[in-house]
Amino acid sequence: MTTLFWHDWAGYVGVVLVLLAFLLLQAHKLHGNGLVYQLMNIFGALGVLLSLVFGSFNLSAFVMEVAWAAIGIYGVLRGLRVSREERSRLP
């Protein structure tokens, strides 16, 4: 019997979040530049990162998840900037 630790669960939840975000994007239920999509990817990547740091480390997977989270953070920041610019153009 395999014992699952908290970091294992964080990794599984992270994988589910990333895959669910992609599925919902493909099903046109989420927009690729939407906040929910970006947050699902960020938190999903963070969950996988936790499982890598506290569990079995894999450098290539770690680099990919850091990049995945960074791209998601960029998307959130860009969305906030675009939203702020649009509000400033309103009369």
C-alpha atoms as a PDB file:
ATOM      1  CA  MET A   1       0.000   0.000   0.000  1.00  0.00           C
ATOM      2  CA  THR A   2       1.324   3.408  -0.986  1.00  0.00           C
ATOM      3  CA  THR A   3       1.200   6.263   1.487  1.00  0.00           C
ATOM      4  CA  LEU A   4       0.343   9.619  -0.064  1.00  0.00           C
ATOM      5  CA  PHE A   5       1.781  12.684   1.611  1.00  0.00           C
ATOM      6  CA  TRP A   6       0.449  16.244   1.445  1.00  0.00           C
ATOM      7  CA  HIS A   7       2.875  17.125  -1.343  1.00  0.00           C
ATOM      8  CA  ASP A   8       1.634  14.164  -3.394  1.00  0.00           C
ATOM      9  CA  TRP A   9      -1.913  15.479  -3.096  1.00  0.00           C
ATOM     10  CA  ALA A  10      -0.734  18.993  -4.002  1.00  0.00           C
ATOM     11  CA  GLY A  11       0.802  17.557  -7.159  1.00  0.00           C
ATOM     12  CA  TYR A  12      -2.316  15.607  -8.108  1.00  0.00           C
ATOM     13  CA  VAL A  13      -4.566  18.610  -7.525  1.00  0.00           C
ATOM     14  CA  GLY A  14      -2.139  20.738  -9.539  1.00  0.00           C
ATOM     15  CA  VAL A  15      -2.229  18.339 -12.474  1.00  0.00           C
ATOM     16  CA  VAL A  16      -6.031  18.234 -12.357  1.00  0.00           C
ATOM     17  CA  LEU A  17      -6.194  22.057 -12.343  1.00  0.00           C
ATOM     18  CA  VAL A  18      -3.888  22.430 -15.345  1.00  0.00           C
ATOM     19  CA  LEU A  19      -5.637  19.711 -17.345  1.00  0.00           C
ATOM     20  CA  LEU A  20      -9.096  20.985 -16.413  1.00  0.00           C
ATOM     21  CA  ALA A  21      -8.119  24.520 -17.454  1.00  0.00           C
ATOM     22  CA  PHE A  22      -6.969  23.199 -20.834  1.00  0.00           C
ATOM     23  CA  LEU A  23     -10.110  21.092 -21.271  1.00  0.00           C
ATOM     24  CA  LEU A  24     -12.361  24.055 -20.450  1.00  0.00           C
ATOM     25  CA  LEU A  25     -10.378  26.222 -22.866  1.00  0.00           C
ATOM     26  CA  GLN A  26     -10.831  23.668 -25.661  1.00  0.00           C
ATOM     27  CA  ALA A  27     -14.536  23.362 -24.827  1.00  0.00           C
ATOM     28  CA  HIS A  28     -14.856  27.178 -25.100  1.00  0.00           C
ATOM     29  CA  LYS A  29     -15.952  27.433 -21.468  1.00  0.00           C
ATOM     30  CA  LEU A  30     -12.953  29.597 -20.548  1.00  0.00           C
ATOM     31  CA  HIS A  31     -10.992  32.228 -22.445  1.00  0.00           C
ATOM     32  CA  GLY A  32      -7.227  31.906 -22.742  1.00  0.00           C
ATOM     33  CA  ASN A  33      -6.724  35.443 -21.471  1.00  0.00           C
ATOM     34  CA  GLY A  34      -9.319  35.151 -18.718  1.00  0.00           C
ATOM     35  CA  LEU A  35      -8.465  35.424 -15.034  1.00  0.00           C
ATOM     36  CA  VAL A  36      -9.960  32.036 -14.080  1.00  0.00           C
ATOM     37  CA  TYR A  37      -7.928  30.232 -16.746  1.00  0.00           C
ATOM     38  CA  GLN A  38      -4.715  31.967 -15.677  1.00  0.00           C
ATOM     39  CA  LEU A  39      -5.309  31.292 -11.972  1.00  0.00           C
ATOM     40  CA  MET A  40      -6.051  27.615 -12.611  1.00  0.00           C
ATOM     41  CA  ASN A  41      -2.740  27.346 -14.438  1.00  0.00           C
ATOM     42  CA  ILE A  42      -0.790  29.252 -11.767  1.00  0.00           C
ATOM     43  CA  PHE A  43      -2.180  27.252  -8.862  1.00  0.00           C
ATOM     44  CA  GLY A  44      -1.880  24.032 -10.819  1.00  0.00           C
ATOM     45  CA  ALA A  45       1.796  24.717 -11.529  1.00  0.00           C
ATOM     46  CA  LEU A  46       2.397  25.642  -7.886  1.00  0.00           C
ATOM     47  CA  GLY A  47       0.843  22.353  -6.768  1.00  0.00           C
ATOM     48  CA  VAL A  48       3.110  20.378  -9.069  1.00  0.00           C
ATOM     49  CA  LEU A  49       6.104  22.450  -7.903  1.00  0.00           C
ATOM     50  CA  LEU A  50       5.319  21.579  -4.295  1.00  0.00           C
ATOM     51  CA  SER A  51       5.246  17.898  -5.150  1.00  0.00           C
ATOM     52  CA  LEU A  52       8.609  18.216  -6.907  1.00  0.00           C
ATOM     53  CA  VAL A  53      10.315  20.206  -4.154  1.00  0.00           C
ATOM     54  CA  PHE A  54       9.066  18.138  -1.213  1.00  0.00           C
ATOM     55  CA  GLY A  55       8.735  14.807  -3.014  1.00  0.00           C
ATOM     56  CA  SER A  56      10.670  13.327  -5.867  1.00  0.00           C
ATOM     57  CA  PHE A  57      12.610  16.112  -7.624  1.00  0.00           C
ATOM     58  CA  ASN A  58      12.828  16.219 -11.411  1.00  0.00           C
ATOM     59  CA  LEU A  59      14.681  19.211 -12.868  1.00  0.00           C
ATOM     60  CA  SER A  60      13.018  19.224 -16.274  1.00  0.00           C
ATOM     61  CA  ALA A  61       9.520  19.076 -14.761  1.00  0.00           C
ATOM     62  CA  PHE A  62      10.525  21.766 -12.238  1.00  0.00           C
ATOM     63  CA  VAL A  63      11.709  24.112 -15.015  1.00  0.00           C
ATOM     64  CA  MET A  64       8.519  23.528 -16.984  1.00  0.00           C
ATOM     65  CA  GLU A  65       6.291  24.280 -13.977  1.00  0.00           C
ATOM     66  CA  VAL A  66       8.241  27.430 -13.079  1.00  0.00           C
ATOM     67  CA  ALA A  67       7.795  28.611 -16.672  1.00  0.00           C
ATOM     68  CA  TRP A  68       4.098  27.634 -16.604  1.00  0.00           C
ATOM     69  CA  ALA A  69       3.508  29.641 -13.430  1.00  0.00           C
ATOM     70  CA  ALA A  70       5.524  32.606 -14.741  1.00  0.00           C
ATOM     71  CA  ILE A  71       3.522  32.681 -17.972  1.00  0.00           C
ATOM     72  CA  GLY A  72       0.291  32.566 -15.967  1.00  0.00           C
ATOM     73  CA  ILE A  73       1.457  35.425 -13.742  1.00  0.00           C
ATOM     74  CA  TYR A  74       2.408  37.397 -16.854  1.00  0.00           C
ATOM     75  CA  GLY A  75      -1.095  36.774 -18.226  1.00  0.00           C
ATOM     76  CA  VAL A  76      -2.750  38.030 -15.038  1.00  0.00           C
ATOM     77  CA  LEU A  77      -0.554  41.151 -14.916  1.00  0.00           C
ATOM     78  CA  ARG A  78      -1.134  41.867 -18.594  1.00  0.00           C
ATOM     79  CA  GLY A  79      -4.884  41.458 -18.135  1.00  0.00           C
ATOM     80  CA  LEU A  80      -4.856  43.894 -15.225  1.00  0.00           C
ATOM     81  CA  ARG A  81      -2.847  46.419 -17.241  1.00  0.00           C
ATOM     82  CA  VAL A  82      -5.155  46.161 -20.261  1.00  0.00           C
ATOM     83  CA  SER A  83      -8.200  46.494 -18.020  1.00  0.00           C
ATOM     84  CA  ARG A  84      -6.733  49.565 -16.321  1.00  0.00           C
ATOM     85  CA  GLU A  85      -5.929  51.150 -19.696  1.00  0.00           C
ATOM     86  CA  GLU A  86      -9.444  50.509 -20.969  1.00  0.00           C
ATOM     87  CA  ARG A  87     -10.957  52.103 -17.858  1.00  0.00           C
ATOM     88  CA  SER A  88      -8.738  55.173 -18.225  1.00  0.00           C
ATOM     89  CA  ARG A  89     -10.000  55.701 -21.820  1.00  0.00           C
ATOM     90  CA  LEU A  90     -13.636  55.838 -20.738  1.00  0.00           C
ATOM     91  CA  PRO A  91     -15.161  59.321 -20.619  1.00  0.00           C
END
